[in-house]
Amino acid sequence: MSVGPSSAESKLNSRGDALLQNRSSRMTPSTGNRDHARVLLVDASPFVLQGIQEVLAKSRHLRVVGTVRTTDEALAAVRTSRPTVVVSEVEVGRASGIDLCRTIRESYPQIGVLFFTHRDEQHLLRSAILAGAQGYLLKKASAEAVVRGIEIVSEGLAIMDPQLTPQIIAWVREQGRGVHVRRLYDCSAEEIRVLALMSAGKTNKQIAQQLKISLGSLSTRLRALYKRLDISRRAEATRYFVEWRKENHQTGDDF
């Protein structure tokens, strides 16, 4: 889906002059002497391309080396203009900007890719990151944020729109849970039984009695189990075990 001038060009142009002038006045002499970052713009909308180009033209550190409206044109331009950063929409017409990103990062790993898009869906953000994107900004971002985002990516660093931070945190937590659940497959039958008893609400004393071992021996086993799972609390062990059990379609009776 393309973005018209009311949502892109006007947003970028309205604040561009003042913001960029303020930023320039804060630069140190060392930053002012650095080379231009070469920027290739990719978007199916000519209005968006024009709006971004006009904003970047006011930056002393960014130089637009091309504007294209298809992914095929983008790949051709990458080969000929050798940009430092490619700024692309997630959807370029009917083509995938994410596939474009993956191709660029695999063939030209020195080139950074920043997505400038109106799409904020979590699955697209994840796909962009996994494809190698180093930046993801929404089109409601200010002119200063766009300029700074491109500069950050040109330096080999990463930038995400602040509005997307909760999605990133949720994804990292989800991935973390997945790692812990997978570690349960390496546990012994005895360790799984301990976890099953814990999830059933048994106390350490009750578990030790059922396993016919001392409390000291159980404590030693639990410390080793927590270390294996890289956790520190009983509640974490129970939660991951419940997820593992659901994944394996098992019930408490199976233990």
Foldseek 3Di string as FASTA:
>chain_A
DADDLVLFLCQAPVCQPVLQVVVVVPDDPVVLPDAAFEEEEEALDPNNVVSLQVSQVSHSRYDYPYYYQDLVVVVVCCVVVVGQEYEYACCRPPDGPLVSLLVCCVVPVNHAYAYEYQDLDLVSVVSNVVSPHQYYHYSNDYNNCVNVQRVQVSVVHHYYYPVNVVSVVVVVVVVLLVLLLVLVVVDDPVVLLLLLCVLVVDDLVRSCVVVVHDSVVSVVVVVVVCVSSVHDDSVSSNVSSVVNCVVVVHDSVVD
